[in-house]
């Protein structure tokens, strides 16, 4: 493959989410190890285009939070993903914005949840930049180090894809277990044991109190009933 074309393909496949390009990233690392491509330029293109895609998703969710939230809540899995991610962003902040990038579909969930929550723009950009730099280094580095260690491009690609698959499978298992617990949580409580309708319970309790007061005074009971 012509090297300029490789750089362009890396940018095009990394900018949008859900485009499978692990093999391409590993191959780019192999080419860099052989001296046929510039490693710092590859890392800059991969991390930069991924960051741009993240920021665009974040800004869209921040601007159109209502429709995005409605779309996420239509299906149980998307609803659980949004709730799970949102709670952890609120609890852990920047560290989770970075960590969620390495979970399956975490790039989308993290960006959309951050936008819907109106997480501070500056903090999100910093977290996303750190995450994408780590992700680009890890993804391309598998091919680069694999080629240097194995001395064979095919072996290096196999090692890189194998390690990447194991990491992805581990992340999928962790995320699946966490979401499963959230799906099977009690309807009246959230995943962290909080009661989401506490205000409503309080209002009902106030209503019961008012009715109790009304029993003691017929005039108050009449006015409450009329209202």
C-alpha atoms as a PDB file:
ATOM      1  CA  UNK A   1       0.000   0.000   0.000  1.00  0.00           C
ATOM      2  CA  UNK A   2       1.225   3.505  -0.849  1.00  0.00           C
ATOM      3  CA  UNK A   3       2.165   5.278   2.390  1.00  0.00           C
ATOM      4  CA  UNK A   4       0.167   8.525   1.745  1.00  0.00           C
ATOM      5  CA  UNK A   5      -2.873   6.364   1.036  1.00  0.00           C
ATOM      6  CA  UNK A   6      -2.272   4.539   4.324  1.00  0.00           C
ATOM      7  CA  UNK A   7      -2.298   7.816   6.241  1.00  0.00           C
ATOM      8  CA  UNK A   8      -5.551   8.870   4.590  1.00  0.00           C
ATOM      9  CA  UNK A   9      -7.167   5.496   5.215  1.00  0.00           C
ATOM     10  CA  UNK A  10      -6.165   5.643   8.872  1.00  0.00           C
ATOM     11  CA  UNK A  11      -7.864   9.015   9.253  1.00  0.00           C
ATOM     12  CA  UNK A  12     -11.032   7.963   7.417  1.00  0.00           C
ATOM     13  CA  UNK A  13     -11.484   4.743   9.385  1.00  0.00           C
ATOM     14  CA  UNK A  14     -10.671   6.260  12.780  1.00  0.00           C
ATOM     15  CA  UNK A  15     -12.806   9.402  12.657  1.00  0.00           C
ATOM     16  CA  UNK A  16     -16.224   7.688  12.732  1.00  0.00           C
ATOM     17  CA  UNK A  17     -17.096   5.199  15.484  1.00  0.00           C
ATOM     18  CA  UNK A  18     -17.838   1.502  15.007  1.00  0.00           C
ATOM     19  CA  UNK A  19     -15.518   1.122  12.012  1.00  0.00           C
ATOM     20  CA  UNK A  20     -13.417  -2.042  12.529  1.00  0.00           C
ATOM     21  CA  UNK A  21      -9.849  -0.984  11.792  1.00  0.00           C
ATOM     22  CA  UNK A  22      -7.809  -2.964  14.332  1.00  0.00           C
ATOM     23  CA  UNK A  23      -6.055  -4.901  11.588  1.00  0.00           C
ATOM     24  CA  UNK A  24      -5.202  -1.665   9.784  1.00  0.00           C
ATOM     25  CA  UNK A  25      -3.736  -0.120  12.940  1.00  0.00           C
ATOM     26  CA  UNK A  26      -1.623  -3.198  13.638  1.00  0.00           C
ATOM     27  CA  UNK A  27      -0.460  -3.227  10.022  1.00  0.00           C
ATOM     28  CA  UNK A  28       0.498   0.440  10.280  1.00  0.00           C
ATOM     29  CA  UNK A  29       2.602  -0.410  13.314  1.00  0.00           C
ATOM     30  CA  UNK A  30       4.304  -3.221  11.385  1.00  0.00           C
ATOM     31  CA  UNK A  31       5.107  -0.853   8.502  1.00  0.00           C
ATOM     32  CA  UNK A  32       6.527   1.695  10.932  1.00  0.00           C
ATOM     33  CA  UNK A  33       8.707  -0.981  12.504  1.00  0.00           C
ATOM     34  CA  UNK A  34      10.089  -1.807   9.065  1.00  0.00           C
ATOM     35  CA  UNK A  35      10.850   1.846   8.373  1.00  0.00           C
ATOM     36  CA  UNK A  36       8.231   2.128   5.629  1.00  0.00           C
ATOM     37  CA  UNK A  37       6.062   4.594   7.558  1.00  0.00           C
ATOM     38  CA  UNK A  38       6.658   7.312  10.142  1.00  0.00           C
ATOM     39  CA  UNK A  39       5.521   6.162  13.585  1.00  0.00           C
ATOM     40  CA  UNK A  40       4.955   9.620  15.185  1.00  0.00           C
ATOM     41  CA  UNK A  41       2.886  10.691  12.170  1.00  0.00           C
ATOM     42  CA  UNK A  42       0.773   7.527  12.376  1.00  0.00           C
ATOM     43  CA  UNK A  43       0.115   8.096  16.073  1.00  0.00           C
ATOM     44  CA  UNK A  44      -0.767  11.745  15.497  1.00  0.00           C
ATOM     45  CA  UNK A  45      -3.192  10.915  12.678  1.00  0.00           C
ATOM     46  CA  UNK A  46      -4.885   8.078  14.550  1.00  0.00           C
ATOM     47  CA  UNK A  47      -5.201   9.930  17.861  1.00  0.00           C
ATOM     48  CA  UNK A  48      -6.163  13.225  16.219  1.00  0.00           C
ATOM     49  CA  UNK A  49      -8.879  11.826  13.968  1.00  0.00           C
ATOM     50  CA  UNK A  50     -10.317   9.737  16.812  1.00  0.00           C
ATOM     51  CA  UNK A  51     -10.350  12.804  19.081  1.00  0.00           C
ATOM     52  CA  UNK A  52     -12.132  14.823  16.413  1.00  0.00           C
ATOM     53  CA  UNK A  53     -14.803  12.137  16.126  1.00  0.00           C
ATOM     54  CA  UNK A  54     -15.241  12.056  19.903  1.00  0.00           C
ATOM     55  CA  UNK A  55     -15.616  15.826  20.163  1.00  0.00           C
ATOM     56  CA  UNK A  56     -18.169  15.896  17.335  1.00  0.00           C
ATOM     57  CA  UNK A  57     -20.280  13.245  19.081  1.00  0.00           C
ATOM     58  CA  UNK A  58     -19.987  15.095  22.381  1.00  0.00           C
ATOM     59  CA  UNK A  59     -21.015  18.434  20.861  1.00  0.00           C
ATOM     60  CA  UNK A  60     -23.961  16.845  19.040  1.00  0.00           C
ATOM     61  CA  UNK A  61     -25.202  15.214  22.252  1.00  0.00           C
ATOM     62  CA  UNK A  62     -24.679  18.452  24.169  1.00  0.00           C
ATOM     63  CA  UNK A  63     -26.616  20.473  21.582  1.00  0.00           C
ATOM     64  CA  UNK A  64     -29.381  17.923  20.985  1.00  0.00           C
ATOM     65  CA  UNK A  65     -29.504  16.297  24.406  1.00  0.00           C
ATOM     66  CA  UNK A  66     -33.257  15.646  24.364  1.00  0.00           C
ATOM     67  CA  UNK A  67     -33.452  13.702  21.084  1.00  0.00           C
ATOM     68  CA  UNK A  68     -30.228  11.835  21.879  1.00  0.00           C
ATOM     69  CA  UNK A  69     -31.544  10.808  25.276  1.00  0.00           C
ATOM     70  CA  UNK A  70     -34.867   9.725  23.754  1.00  0.00           C
ATOM     71  CA  UNK A  71     -33.041   7.590  21.195  1.00  0.00           C
ATOM     72  CA  UNK A  72     -30.870   6.004  23.879  1.00  0.00           C
ATOM     73  CA  UNK A  73     -33.869   5.225  26.085  1.00  0.00           C
ATOM     74  CA  UNK A  74     -35.855   3.419  23.392  1.00  0.00           C
ATOM     75  CA  UNK A  75     -34.162   0.071  23.968  1.00  0.00           C
ATOM     76  CA  UNK A  76     -33.264  -1.490  27.322  1.00  0.00           C
ATOM     77  CA  UNK A  77     -29.628  -2.107  26.418  1.00  0.00           C
ATOM     78  CA  UNK A  78     -29.066   1.445  25.244  1.00  0.00           C
ATOM     79  CA  UNK A  79     -30.913   2.767  28.290  1.00  0.00           C
ATOM     80  CA  UNK A  80     -28.768   0.717  30.642  1.00  0.00           C
ATOM     81  CA  UNK A  81     -25.604   1.778  28.789  1.00  0.00           C
ATOM     82  CA  UNK A  82     -26.537   5.464  29.090  1.00  0.00           C
ATOM     83  CA  UNK A  83     -27.500   5.148  32.753  1.00  0.00           C
ATOM     84  CA  UNK A  84     -24.430   3.068  33.633  1.00  0.00           C
ATOM     85  CA  UNK A  85     -22.045   5.409  31.864  1.00  0.00           C
ATOM     86  CA  UNK A  86     -23.706   8.596  33.104  1.00  0.00           C
ATOM     87  CA  UNK A  87     -23.601   7.522  36.741  1.00  0.00           C
ATOM     88  CA  UNK A  88     -19.918   6.694  36.576  1.00  0.00           C
ATOM     89  CA  UNK A  89     -19.048   9.920  34.811  1.00  0.00           C
ATOM     90  CA  UNK A  90     -20.856  11.831  37.547  1.00  0.00           C
ATOM     91  CA  UNK A  91     -19.141   9.786  40.270  1.00  0.00           C
ATOM     92  CA  UNK A  92     -15.586   9.448  38.934  1.00  0.00           C
ATOM     93  CA  UNK A  93     -15.348  12.316  36.461  1.00  0.00           C
ATOM     94  CA  UNK A  94     -12.272  12.626  34.267  1.00  0.00           C
ATOM     95  CA  UNK A  95     -10.709   9.216  35.092  1.00  0.00           C
ATOM     96  CA  UNK A  96     -13.820   7.425  33.850  1.00  0.00           C
ATOM     97  CA  UNK A  97     -14.036   9.611  30.740  1.00  0.00           C
ATOM     98  CA  UNK A  98     -10.604   8.218  29.926  1.00  0.00           C
ATOM     99  CA  UNK A  99     -11.271   4.627  30.984  1.00  0.00           C
ATOM    100  CA  UNK A 100     -14.608   4.200  29.196  1.00  0.00           C
ATOM    101  CA  UNK A 101     -12.809   4.552  25.849  1.00  0.00           C
ATOM    102  CA  UNK A 102     -11.350   1.084  26.293  1.00  0.00           C
ATOM    103  CA  UNK A 103     -14.701  -0.661  26.832  1.00  0.00           C
ATOM    104  CA  UNK A 104     -16.720  -2.076  23.918  1.00  0.00           C
ATOM    105  CA  UNK A 105     -18.836   0.736  22.459  1.00  0.00           C
ATOM    106  CA  UNK A 106     -17.394   2.923  25.197  1.00  0.00           C
ATOM    107  CA  UNK A 107     -16.313   5.559  22.736  1.00  0.00           C
ATOM    108  CA  UNK A 108     -19.924   6.232  21.723  1.00  0.00           C
ATOM    109  CA  UNK A 109     -21.455   5.785  25.177  1.00  0.00           C
ATOM    110  CA  UNK A 110     -18.867   8.014  26.819  1.00  0.00           C
ATOM    111  CA  UNK A 111     -19.208  10.830  24.301  1.00  0.00           C
ATOM    112  CA  UNK A 112     -23.015  10.791  24.246  1.00  0.00           C
ATOM    113  CA  UNK A 113     -23.383  10.502  28.021  1.00  0.00           C
ATOM    114  CA  UNK A 114     -20.900  13.336  28.561  1.00  0.00           C
ATOM    115  CA  UNK A 115     -22.785  15.520  26.105  1.00  0.00           C
ATOM    116  CA  UNK A 116     -26.214  14.751  27.556  1.00  0.00           C
ATOM    117  CA  UNK A 117     -24.902  15.459  31.060  1.00  0.00           C
ATOM    118  CA  UNK A 118     -23.308  18.673  29.758  1.00  0.00           C
ATOM    119  CA  UNK A 119     -20.023  17.568  31.254  1.00  0.00           C
ATOM    120  CA  UNK A 120     -17.553  20.496  31.118  1.00  0.00           C
ATOM    121  CA  UNK A 121     -16.272  20.843  27.572  1.00  0.00           C
ATOM    122  CA  UNK A 122     -12.675  21.529  28.532  1.00  0.00           C
ATOM    123  CA  UNK A 123     -12.497  18.518  30.842  1.00  0.00           C
ATOM    124  CA  UNK A 124     -14.062  16.257  28.252  1.00  0.00           C
ATOM    125  CA  UNK A 125     -11.623  17.326  25.545  1.00  0.00           C
ATOM    126  CA  UNK A 126      -8.687  16.739  27.905  1.00  0.00           C
ATOM    127  CA  UNK A 127      -9.989  13.303  28.910  1.00  0.00           C
ATOM    128  CA  UNK A 128     -10.753  12.294  25.340  1.00  0.00           C
ATOM    129  CA  UNK A 129      -7.322  13.486  24.178  1.00  0.00           C
ATOM    130  CA  UNK A 130      -5.574  11.419  26.839  1.00  0.00           C
ATOM    131  CA  UNK A 131      -7.740   8.387  26.078  1.00  0.00           C
ATOM    132  CA  UNK A 132      -7.224   8.545  22.323  1.00  0.00           C
ATOM    133  CA  UNK A 133      -3.479   9.034  22.708  1.00  0.00           C
ATOM    134  CA  UNK A 134      -3.302   5.939  24.921  1.00  0.00           C
ATOM    135  CA  UNK A 135      -5.561   3.991  22.560  1.00  0.00           C
ATOM    136  CA  UNK A 136      -3.550   4.941  19.464  1.00  0.00           C
ATOM    137  CA  UNK A 137      -0.263   4.066  21.183  1.00  0.00           C
ATOM    138  CA  UNK A 138      -1.651   0.731  22.335  1.00  0.00           C
ATOM    139  CA  UNK A 139      -3.247  -0.220  18.994  1.00  0.00           C
ATOM    140  CA  UNK A 140      -0.355   0.782  16.743  1.00  0.00           C
ATOM    141  CA  UNK A 141       2.223  -0.309  19.303  1.00  0.00           C
ATOM    142  CA  UNK A 142       0.974  -3.901  19.157  1.00  0.00           C
ATOM    143  CA  UNK A 143       2.046  -4.131  15.536  1.00  0.00           C
ATOM    144  CA  UNK A 144       5.251  -2.165  16.052  1.00  0.00           C
ATOM    145  CA  UNK A 145       6.504  -4.166  19.030  1.00  0.00           C
ATOM    146  CA  UNK A 146       5.203  -7.429  17.618  1.00  0.00           C
ATOM    147  CA  UNK A 147       7.172  -6.914  14.432  1.00  0.00           C
ATOM    148  CA  UNK A 148      10.291  -5.987  16.362  1.00  0.00           C
ATOM    149  CA  UNK A 149       9.965  -9.071  18.554  1.00  0.00           C
ATOM    150  CA  UNK A 150       8.871 -11.631  15.975  1.00  0.00           C
ATOM    151  CA  UNK A 151      10.842 -10.329  13.016  1.00  0.00           C
ATOM    152  CA  UNK A 152       8.046 -11.468  10.703  1.00  0.00           C
ATOM    153  CA  UNK A 153       5.211  -9.195   9.556  1.00  0.00           C
ATOM    154  CA  UNK A 154       2.637 -12.004   9.535  1.00  0.00           C
ATOM    155  CA  UNK A 155       3.593 -13.176  12.997  1.00  0.00           C
ATOM    156  CA  UNK A 156       3.542  -9.587  14.231  1.00  0.00           C
ATOM    157  CA  UNK A 157       0.061  -9.023  12.815  1.00  0.00           C
ATOM    158  CA  UNK A 158      -1.136 -12.247  14.402  1.00  0.00           C
ATOM    159  CA  UNK A 159       0.301 -11.312  17.791  1.00  0.00           C
ATOM    160  CA  UNK A 160      -1.197  -7.827  17.619  1.00  0.00           C
ATOM    161  CA  UNK A 161      -4.653  -8.996  16.630  1.00  0.00           C
ATOM    162  CA  UNK A 162      -4.558 -11.778  19.205  1.00  0.00           C
ATOM    163  CA  UNK A 163      -3.693  -9.448  22.082  1.00  0.00           C
ATOM    164  CA  UNK A 164      -6.265  -6.923  20.877  1.00  0.00           C
ATOM    165  CA  UNK A 165      -8.956  -9.614  20.775  1.00  0.00           C
ATOM    166  CA  UNK A 166      -8.153 -10.799  24.296  1.00  0.00           C
ATOM    167  CA  UNK A 167      -8.325  -7.246  25.665  1.00  0.00           C
ATOM    168  CA  UNK A 168     -11.611  -6.606  23.843  1.00  0.00           C
ATOM    169  CA  UNK A 169     -13.100  -9.879  25.125  1.00  0.00           C
ATOM    170  CA  UNK A 170     -12.111  -9.011  28.694  1.00  0.00           C
ATOM    171  CA  UNK A 171     -13.663  -5.587  28.420  1.00  0.00           C
ATOM    172  CA  UNK A 172     -16.830  -7.089  26.938  1.00  0.00           C
ATOM    173  CA  UNK A 173     -17.126  -9.567  29.812  1.00  0.00           C
ATOM    174  CA  UNK A 174     -16.705  -6.866  32.451  1.00  0.00           C
ATOM    175  CA  UNK A 175     -19.193  -4.573  30.767  1.00  0.00           C
ATOM    176  CA  UNK A 176     -21.707  -7.375  30.221  1.00  0.00           C
ATOM    177  CA  UNK A 177     -21.584  -8.396  33.872  1.00  0.00           C
ATOM    178  CA  UNK A 178     -22.053  -4.814  35.039  1.00  0.00           C
ATOM    179  CA  UNK A 179     -24.952  -4.147  32.688  1.00  0.00           C
ATOM    180  CA  UNK A 180     -26.575  -7.441  33.596  1.00  0.00           C
ATOM    181  CA  UNK A 181     -26.589  -6.427  37.237  1.00  0.00           C
ATOM    182  CA  UNK A 182     -28.128  -3.092  36.257  1.00  0.00           C
ATOM    183  CA  UNK A 183     -30.833  -4.771  34.143  1.00  0.00           C
ATOM    184  CA  UNK A 184     -31.768  -7.073  37.015  1.00  0.00           C
ATOM    185  CA  UNK A 185     -31.747  -4.332  39.630  1.00  0.00           C
ATOM    186  CA  UNK A 186     -34.973  -3.748  41.506  1.00  0.00           C
ATOM    187  CA  UNK A 187     -37.387  -1.512  39.542  1.00  0.00           C
ATOM    188  CA  UNK A 188     -37.691   0.930  42.445  1.00  0.00           C
ATOM    189  CA  UNK A 189     -33.968   1.475  42.806  1.00  0.00           C
ATOM    190  CA  UNK A 190     -31.111   2.501  40.597  1.00  0.00           C
ATOM    191  CA  UNK A 191     -28.007   0.468  39.933  1.00  0.00           C
ATOM    192  CA  UNK A 192     -26.250   2.107  42.880  1.00  0.00           C
ATOM    193  CA  UNK A 193     -29.078   1.466  45.296  1.00  0.00           C
ATOM    194  CA  UNK A 194     -30.566   4.952  45.055  1.00  0.00           C
ATOM    195  CA  UNK A 195     -34.277   5.557  44.798  1.00  0.00           C
ATOM    196  CA  UNK A 196     -34.933   7.563  41.620  1.00  0.00           C
ATOM    197  CA  UNK A 197     -38.490   8.515  42.619  1.00  0.00           C
ATOM    198  CA  UNK A 198     -37.685   9.746  46.101  1.00  0.00           C
ATOM    199  CA  UNK A 199     -39.301  13.115  45.362  1.00  0.00           C
ATOM    200  CA  UNK A 200     -42.487  11.408  44.308  1.00  0.00           C
ATOM    201  CA  UNK A 201     -42.518   9.339  47.489  1.00  0.00           C
ATOM    202  CA  UNK A 202     -42.029  12.511  49.479  1.00  0.00           C
ATOM    203  CA  UNK A 203     -44.919  14.160  47.706  1.00  0.00           C
ATOM    204  CA  UNK A 204     -47.137  11.183  48.397  1.00  0.00           C
ATOM    205  CA  UNK A 205     -46.029  11.307  52.015  1.00  0.00           C
ATOM    206  CA  UNK A 206     -46.935  14.984  52.178  1.00  0.00           C
ATOM    207  CA  UNK A 207     -50.273  14.137  50.687  1.00  0.00           C
ATOM    208  CA  UNK A 208     -50.862  11.517  53.364  1.00  0.00           C
ATOM    209  CA  UNK A 209     -49.942  14.073  56.011  1.00  0.00           C
ATOM    210  CA  UNK A 210     -52.343  16.562  54.528  1.00  0.00           C
ATOM    211  CA  UNK A 211     -55.088  13.978  54.521  1.00  0.00           C
ATOM    212  CA  UNK A 212     -54.254  13.172  58.135  1.00  0.00           C
ATOM    213  CA  UNK A 213     -54.497  16.817  59.057  1.00  0.00           C
ATOM    214  CA  UNK A 214     -57.750  17.004  57.187  1.00  0.00           C
ATOM    215  CA  UNK A 215     -59.257  14.286  59.351  1.00  0.00           C
ATOM    216  CA  UNK A 216     -58.624  16.431  62.402  1.00  0.00           C
ATOM    217  CA  UNK A 217     -60.262  19.512  60.910  1.00  0.00           C
ATOM    218  CA  UNK A 218     -63.349  19.197  58.752  1.00  0.00           C
ATOM    219  CA  UNK A 219     -62.835  22.624  57.208  1.00  0.00           C
ATOM    220  CA  UNK A 220     -59.301  21.758  56.091  1.00  0.00           C
ATOM    221  CA  UNK A 221     -60.473  18.419  54.715  1.00  0.00           C
ATOM    222  CA  UNK A 222     -63.196  20.113  52.700  1.00  0.00           C
ATOM    223  CA  UNK A 223     -60.818  22.670  51.255  1.00  0.00           C
ATOM    224  CA  UNK A 224     -58.240  19.981  50.398  1.00  0.00           C
ATOM    225  CA  UNK A 225     -60.892  17.856  48.648  1.00  0.00           C
ATOM    226  CA  UNK A 226     -62.176  20.815  46.708  1.00  0.00           C
ATOM    227  CA  UNK A 227     -58.680  21.719  45.588  1.00  0.00           C
END
